[in-house]
Amino acid sequence: MTKHLDLGCGLKPRNPYGADATYGCDVRDIDLAVEKIGFDYKRVNLVVEPIPYPDNFFDSVSAFDFLEHIPRQMVLPNGEVSNPFINIMSEIHRVLVPGGRLLAFTPAYPRVEAFTDPTHVNFITDQTHEYFVGPQPSGAMYGFKGAFEVLQVRWEAPANVYDLNQPSWRKTLRRWHRDLLRGGMAHVLWEFAAIQK
């Protein structure tokens, strides 16, 4: 049985790879039984807490409009500096099986969408992913534990990511529409495979 985790899921977790079981984590309180919402939900503040699942548990993890809400650095009450963005990337790697997929989709610099929401505190670029990929990721100097292989990194239209099984011609038309009539793409897509360390 395949398992998928959607980070920042709210009441409607995404399951882009069509896994058999869907799990979700969010900071919100959801007061419904698992049977009523149809997925396993955990309330957790991933800025300061680990993903509440064991190592190598998920075949895939998604983060739709999530990473921009995770601070890059913060000072803890004891005066220590924490790197929540580095930590969440380590946690994602930890809970993925070797070869497991990460699909992340986030508004990115220099687009206004990256800055409009006052809760966006982590400004992603089309090069941010480089700290987490390859056999010796440079993010290790900041505490990143893991490594990912890049499957794809590109600017993408939201509707193309929410349904990965659309025909490629439809995705191409949507990209052209965004580029020509709507001022370009606002979101960066990361699709990675977890490298076993």
C-alpha atoms as a PDB file:
ATOM      1  CA  MET A   1       0.000   0.000   0.000  1.00  0.00           C
ATOM      2  CA  THR A   2       1.430   3.388  -1.019  1.00  0.00           C
ATOM      3  CA  LYS A   3       1.200   6.380   1.328  1.00  0.00           C
ATOM      4  CA  HIS A   4       1.228  10.105   0.541  1.00  0.00           C
ATOM      5  CA  LEU A   5       1.656  13.069   2.927  1.00  0.00           C
ATOM      6  CA  ASP A   6       0.393  16.565   2.053  1.00  0.00           C
ATOM      7  CA  LEU A   7       1.970  19.358   4.131  1.00  0.00           C
ATOM      8  CA  GLY A   8      -0.257  22.353   4.901  1.00  0.00           C
ATOM      9  CA  CYS A   9      -3.232  20.303   3.736  1.00  0.00           C
ATOM     10  CA  GLY A  10      -6.204  22.057   5.345  1.00  0.00           C
ATOM     11  CA  LEU A  11      -9.414  20.045   4.844  1.00  0.00           C
ATOM     12  CA  LYS A  12      -8.551  18.955   1.303  1.00  0.00           C
ATOM     13  CA  PRO A  13      -5.177  17.212   1.061  1.00  0.00           C
ATOM     14  CA  ARG A  14      -3.750  16.708  -2.379  1.00  0.00           C
ATOM     15  CA  ASN A  15      -2.608  13.279  -3.539  1.00  0.00           C
ATOM     16  CA  PRO A  16      -0.832  14.037  -6.843  1.00  0.00           C
ATOM     17  CA  TYR A  17       0.625  10.553  -7.321  1.00  0.00           C
ATOM     18  CA  GLY A  18      -2.607   8.693  -6.550  1.00  0.00           C
ATOM     19  CA  ALA A  19      -1.298   6.871  -3.471  1.00  0.00           C
ATOM     20  CA  ASP A  20      -3.548   4.324  -1.743  1.00  0.00           C
ATOM     21  CA  ALA A  21      -3.602   6.253   1.563  1.00  0.00           C
ATOM     22  CA  THR A  22      -3.525  10.013   2.123  1.00  0.00           C
ATOM     23  CA  TYR A  23      -2.144  11.742   5.225  1.00  0.00           C
ATOM     24  CA  GLY A  24      -2.077  15.426   6.049  1.00  0.00           C
ATOM     25  CA  CYS A  25      -0.349  17.843   8.420  1.00  0.00           C
ATOM     26  CA  ASP A  26      -1.418  21.395   9.121  1.00  0.00           C
ATOM     27  CA  VAL A  27      -1.212  23.945  11.914  1.00  0.00           C
ATOM     28  CA  ARG A  28      -5.020  24.280  12.045  1.00  0.00           C
ATOM     29  CA  ASP A  29      -7.286  22.480  14.475  1.00  0.00           C
ATOM     30  CA  ILE A  30      -9.659  20.180  12.614  1.00  0.00           C
ATOM     31  CA  ASP A  31     -12.355  18.759  14.865  1.00  0.00           C
ATOM     32  CA  LEU A  32     -13.582  15.934  12.641  1.00  0.00           C
ATOM     33  CA  ALA A  33     -13.131  12.157  12.840  1.00  0.00           C
ATOM     34  CA  VAL A  34     -10.853  10.485  10.279  1.00  0.00           C
ATOM     35  CA  GLU A  35     -13.892   8.720   8.810  1.00  0.00           C
ATOM     36  CA  LYS A  36     -15.592  12.046   8.072  1.00  0.00           C
ATOM     37  CA  ILE A  37     -12.639  13.809   6.459  1.00  0.00           C
ATOM     38  CA  GLY A  38     -11.315  10.739   4.648  1.00  0.00           C
ATOM     39  CA  PHE A  39      -7.631  10.984   5.542  1.00  0.00           C
ATOM     40  CA  ASP A  40      -5.262  10.671   8.497  1.00  0.00           C
ATOM     41  CA  TYR A  41      -4.755  14.192   9.894  1.00  0.00           C
ATOM     42  CA  LYS A  42      -2.175  15.454  12.381  1.00  0.00           C
ATOM     43  CA  ARG A  43      -2.156  18.961  13.818  1.00  0.00           C
ATOM     44  CA  VAL A  44       1.448  20.114  14.042  1.00  0.00           C
ATOM     45  CA  ASN A  45       3.424  23.352  13.807  1.00  0.00           C
ATOM     46  CA  LEU A  46       6.166  22.311  11.396  1.00  0.00           C
ATOM     47  CA  VAL A  47       8.118  25.511  12.063  1.00  0.00           C
ATOM     48  CA  VAL A  48       9.118  24.143  15.475  1.00  0.00           C
ATOM     49  CA  GLU A  49       8.058  20.465  15.461  1.00  0.00           C
ATOM     50  CA  PRO A  50       9.138  17.450  13.402  1.00  0.00           C
ATOM     51  CA  ILE A  51       6.818  15.690  10.965  1.00  0.00           C
ATOM     52  CA  PRO A  52       4.938  13.290  13.312  1.00  0.00           C
ATOM     53  CA  TYR A  53       5.572  10.087  11.351  1.00  0.00           C
ATOM     54  CA  PRO A  54       8.384   7.507  11.421  1.00  0.00           C
ATOM     55  CA  ASP A  55      11.402   7.321   9.126  1.00  0.00           C
ATOM     56  CA  ASN A  56      10.865   5.957   5.595  1.00  0.00           C
ATOM     57  CA  PHE A  57       7.065   5.987   6.005  1.00  0.00           C
ATOM     58  CA  PHE A  58       5.853   7.791   2.862  1.00  0.00           C
ATOM     59  CA  ASP A  59       6.192   7.047  -0.825  1.00  0.00           C
ATOM     60  CA  SER A  60       5.560  10.706  -1.622  1.00  0.00           C
ATOM     61  CA  VAL A  61       5.174  14.106   0.040  1.00  0.00           C
ATOM     62  CA  SER A  62       3.611  17.250  -1.412  1.00  0.00           C
ATOM     63  CA  ALA A  63       3.951  20.869  -0.327  1.00  0.00           C
ATOM     64  CA  PHE A  64       1.523  23.065  -2.292  1.00  0.00           C
ATOM     65  CA  ASP A  65       1.846  26.747  -1.330  1.00  0.00           C
ATOM     66  CA  PHE A  66       3.531  25.683   1.913  1.00  0.00           C
ATOM     67  CA  LEU A  67       7.308  26.289   1.890  1.00  0.00           C
ATOM     68  CA  GLU A  68       6.914  30.066   1.620  1.00  0.00           C
ATOM     69  CA  HIS A  69       5.331  30.014   5.110  1.00  0.00           C
ATOM     70  CA  ILE A  70       8.358  28.336   6.769  1.00  0.00           C
ATOM     71  CA  PRO A  71      10.908  30.891   8.073  1.00  0.00           C
ATOM     72  CA  ARG A  72      14.511  30.521   7.019  1.00  0.00           C
ATOM     73  CA  GLN A  73      15.829  31.411  10.481  1.00  0.00           C
ATOM     74  CA  MET A  74      14.434  32.178  13.899  1.00  0.00           C
ATOM     75  CA  VAL A  75      15.820  32.802  17.371  1.00  0.00           C
ATOM     76  CA  LEU A  76      14.556  30.338  19.973  1.00  0.00           C
ATOM     77  CA  PRO A  77      13.645  31.412  23.545  1.00  0.00           C
ATOM     78  CA  ASN A  78      16.986  30.038  24.788  1.00  0.00           C
ATOM     79  CA  GLY A  79      18.869  32.311  22.354  1.00  0.00           C
ATOM     80  CA  GLU A  80      19.849  29.589  19.886  1.00  0.00           C
ATOM     81  CA  VAL A  81      19.309  30.145  16.168  1.00  0.00           C
ATOM     82  CA  SER A  82      17.126  27.606  14.381  1.00  0.00           C
ATOM     83  CA  ASN A  83      16.795  27.052  10.624  1.00  0.00           C
ATOM     84  CA  PRO A  84      13.173  25.887  10.163  1.00  0.00           C
ATOM     85  CA  PHE A  85      13.355  25.754   6.349  1.00  0.00           C
ATOM     86  CA  ILE A  86      16.467  23.564   6.464  1.00  0.00           C
ATOM     87  CA  ASN A  87      14.807  21.466   9.183  1.00  0.00           C
ATOM     88  CA  ILE A  88      11.595  20.860   7.209  1.00  0.00           C
ATOM     89  CA  MET A  89      13.610  19.782   4.166  1.00  0.00           C
ATOM     90  CA  SER A  90      15.512  17.329   6.408  1.00  0.00           C
ATOM     91  CA  GLU A  91      12.222  16.083   7.846  1.00  0.00           C
ATOM     92  CA  ILE A  92      10.729  15.551   4.395  1.00  0.00           C
ATOM     93  CA  HIS A  93      13.773  13.490   3.427  1.00  0.00           C
ATOM     94  CA  ARG A  94      13.565  11.531   6.690  1.00  0.00           C
ATOM     95  CA  VAL A  95       9.943  10.422   6.212  1.00  0.00           C
ATOM     96  CA  LEU A  96      10.366   9.485   2.534  1.00  0.00           C
ATOM     97  CA  VAL A  97      11.350   5.990   1.466  1.00  0.00           C
ATOM     98  CA  PRO A  98      14.543   5.880  -0.640  1.00  0.00           C
ATOM     99  CA  GLY A  99      13.480   7.018  -4.094  1.00  0.00           C
ATOM    100  CA  GLY A 100      10.307   8.600  -2.653  1.00  0.00           C
ATOM    101  CA  ARG A 101       9.018  11.739  -4.353  1.00  0.00           C
ATOM    102  CA  LEU A 102       8.724  15.317  -3.139  1.00  0.00           C
ATOM    103  CA  LEU A 103       6.437  17.597  -5.142  1.00  0.00           C
ATOM    104  CA  ALA A 104       6.658  21.223  -3.975  1.00  0.00           C
ATOM    105  CA  PHE A 105       4.913  24.175  -5.596  1.00  0.00           C
ATOM    106  CA  THR A 106       5.408  27.721  -4.362  1.00  0.00           C
ATOM    107  CA  PRO A 107       5.174  31.342  -5.522  1.00  0.00           C
ATOM    108  CA  ALA A 108       8.675  32.579  -6.237  1.00  0.00           C
ATOM    109  CA  TYR A 109      10.788  35.712  -6.581  1.00  0.00           C
ATOM    110  CA  PRO A 110      10.623  38.051  -8.500  1.00  0.00           C
ATOM    111  CA  ARG A 111       6.860  37.663  -8.916  1.00  0.00           C
ATOM    112  CA  VAL A 112       4.569  39.824  -6.764  1.00  0.00           C
ATOM    113  CA  GLU A 113       2.701  36.688  -5.650  1.00  0.00           C
ATOM    114  CA  ALA A 114       5.740  35.726  -3.574  1.00  0.00           C
ATOM    115  CA  PHE A 115       5.365  38.891  -1.479  1.00  0.00           C
ATOM    116  CA  THR A 116       1.625  39.685  -1.443  1.00  0.00           C
ATOM    117  CA  ASP A 117       0.528  37.359   1.374  1.00  0.00           C
ATOM    118  CA  PRO A 118       1.760  38.797   4.710  1.00  0.00           C
ATOM    119  CA  THR A 119       2.399  35.259   5.993  1.00  0.00           C
ATOM    120  CA  HIS A 120       4.984  34.572   3.263  1.00  0.00           C
ATOM    121  CA  VAL A 121       8.316  34.702   5.078  1.00  0.00           C
ATOM    122  CA  ASN A 122      10.502  32.449   2.910  1.00  0.00           C
ATOM    123  CA  PHE A 123      11.161  33.850  -0.548  1.00  0.00           C
ATOM    124  CA  ILE A 124      11.984  30.991  -2.897  1.00  0.00           C
ATOM    125  CA  THR A 125      13.833  31.527  -6.188  1.00  0.00           C
ATOM    126  CA  ASP A 126      14.281  29.241  -9.163  1.00  0.00           C
ATOM    127  CA  GLN A 127      17.695  28.330  -7.688  1.00  0.00           C
ATOM    128  CA  THR A 128      16.850  27.744  -4.000  1.00  0.00           C
ATOM    129  CA  HIS A 129      16.530  23.995  -4.583  1.00  0.00           C
ATOM    130  CA  GLU A 130      20.273  23.726  -5.284  1.00  0.00           C
ATOM    131  CA  TYR A 131      20.959  23.635  -1.525  1.00  0.00           C
ATOM    132  CA  PHE A 132      19.150  20.285  -1.228  1.00  0.00           C
ATOM    133  CA  VAL A 133      20.158  18.292  -4.308  1.00  0.00           C
ATOM    134  CA  GLY A 134      23.045  16.110  -5.402  1.00  0.00           C
ATOM    135  CA  PRO A 135      25.179  13.660  -3.450  1.00  0.00           C
ATOM    136  CA  GLN A 136      26.792  16.444  -1.349  1.00  0.00           C
ATOM    137  CA  PRO A 137      24.117  19.168  -0.974  1.00  0.00           C
ATOM    138  CA  SER A 138      25.483  22.547   0.088  1.00  0.00           C
ATOM    139  CA  GLY A 139      22.605  22.880   2.588  1.00  0.00           C
ATOM    140  CA  ALA A 140      24.505  20.378   4.768  1.00  0.00           C
ATOM    141  CA  MET A 141      26.644  23.267   6.048  1.00  0.00           C
ATOM    142  CA  TYR A 142      23.448  24.664   7.631  1.00  0.00           C
ATOM    143  CA  GLY A 143      22.302  21.339   9.069  1.00  0.00           C
ATOM    144  CA  PHE A 144      20.405  19.757   6.148  1.00  0.00           C
ATOM    145  CA  LYS A 145      20.344  15.985   6.590  1.00  0.00           C
ATOM    146  CA  GLY A 146      19.528  14.223   3.350  1.00  0.00           C
ATOM    147  CA  ALA A 147      19.909  14.560  -0.390  1.00  0.00           C
ATOM    148  CA  PHE A 148      17.520  14.739  -3.306  1.00  0.00           C
ATOM    149  CA  GLU A 149      17.825  14.050  -7.010  1.00  0.00           C
ATOM    150  CA  VAL A 150      16.179  16.626  -9.282  1.00  0.00           C
ATOM    151  CA  LEU A 151      13.455  15.138 -11.457  1.00  0.00           C
ATOM    152  CA  GLN A 152      12.234  18.547 -12.587  1.00  0.00           C
ATOM    153  CA  VAL A 153      12.442  22.200 -11.545  1.00  0.00           C
ATOM    154  CA  ARG A 154      10.528  24.756 -13.589  1.00  0.00           C
ATOM    155  CA  TRP A 155       8.128  27.668 -13.577  1.00  0.00           C
ATOM    156  CA  GLU A 156       4.627  26.237 -13.858  1.00  0.00           C
ATOM    157  CA  ALA A 157       0.931  27.149 -13.967  1.00  0.00           C
ATOM    158  CA  PRO A 158      -1.035  26.079 -10.857  1.00  0.00           C
ATOM    159  CA  ALA A 159      -3.711  24.118 -12.734  1.00  0.00           C
ATOM    160  CA  ASN A 160      -0.983  22.000 -14.369  1.00  0.00           C
ATOM    161  CA  VAL A 161       0.283  20.827 -10.994  1.00  0.00           C
ATOM    162  CA  TYR A 162      -3.016  20.185  -9.255  1.00  0.00           C
ATOM    163  CA  ASP A 163      -3.746  17.442 -11.818  1.00  0.00           C
ATOM    164  CA  LEU A 164      -0.522  15.795 -13.006  1.00  0.00           C
ATOM    165  CA  ASN A 165      -2.371  13.414 -15.343  1.00  0.00           C
ATOM    166  CA  GLN A 166      -3.609  16.069 -17.779  1.00  0.00           C
ATOM    167  CA  PRO A 167      -2.545  15.739 -21.420  1.00  0.00           C
ATOM    168  CA  SER A 168       0.780  17.458 -22.139  1.00  0.00           C
ATOM    169  CA  TRP A 169      -0.796  19.588 -24.910  1.00  0.00           C
ATOM    170  CA  ARG A 170      -3.202  21.077 -22.356  1.00  0.00           C
ATOM    171  CA  LYS A 171      -0.355  21.926 -19.983  1.00  0.00           C
ATOM    172  CA  THR A 172       1.585  23.531 -22.838  1.00  0.00           C
ATOM    173  CA  LEU A 173      -1.402  25.692 -23.832  1.00  0.00           C
ATOM    174  CA  ARG A 174      -1.886  26.763 -20.228  1.00  0.00           C
ATOM    175  CA  ARG A 175       1.803  27.770 -19.960  1.00  0.00           C
ATOM    176  CA  TRP A 176       1.567  29.812 -23.168  1.00  0.00           C
ATOM    177  CA  HIS A 177      -1.585  31.493 -21.889  1.00  0.00           C
ATOM    178  CA  ARG A 178       0.170  32.424 -18.628  1.00  0.00           C
ATOM    179  CA  ASP A 179       3.276  33.674 -20.439  1.00  0.00           C
ATOM    180  CA  LEU A 180       1.491  35.672 -23.132  1.00  0.00           C
ATOM    181  CA  LEU A 181      -1.658  36.960 -21.451  1.00  0.00           C
ATOM    182  CA  ARG A 182      -1.093  36.893 -17.709  1.00  0.00           C
ATOM    183  CA  GLY A 183       2.442  38.210 -17.353  1.00  0.00           C
ATOM    184  CA  GLY A 184       4.244  34.900 -16.893  1.00  0.00           C
ATOM    185  CA  MET A 185       4.446  32.128 -14.355  1.00  0.00           C
ATOM    186  CA  ALA A 186       4.360  32.968 -10.651  1.00  0.00           C
ATOM    187  CA  HIS A 187       5.106  29.537  -9.143  1.00  0.00           C
ATOM    188  CA  VAL A 188       8.134  27.249  -9.161  1.00  0.00           C
ATOM    189  CA  LEU A 189       7.648  23.485  -9.206  1.00  0.00           C
ATOM    190  CA  TRP A 190      10.153  21.132  -7.592  1.00  0.00           C
ATOM    191  CA  GLU A 191       9.920  17.402  -8.129  1.00  0.00           C
ATOM    192  CA  PHE A 192      12.667  15.453  -6.373  1.00  0.00           C
ATOM    193  CA  ALA A 193      13.489  11.845  -5.524  1.00  0.00           C
ATOM    194  CA  ALA A 194      14.982  11.106  -2.092  1.00  0.00           C
ATOM    195  CA  ILE A 195      18.539   9.781  -2.298  1.00  0.00           C
ATOM    196  CA  GLN A 196      19.385   7.178   0.331  1.00  0.00           C
ATOM    197  CA  LYS A 197      22.161   8.402   2.632  1.00  0.00           C
END
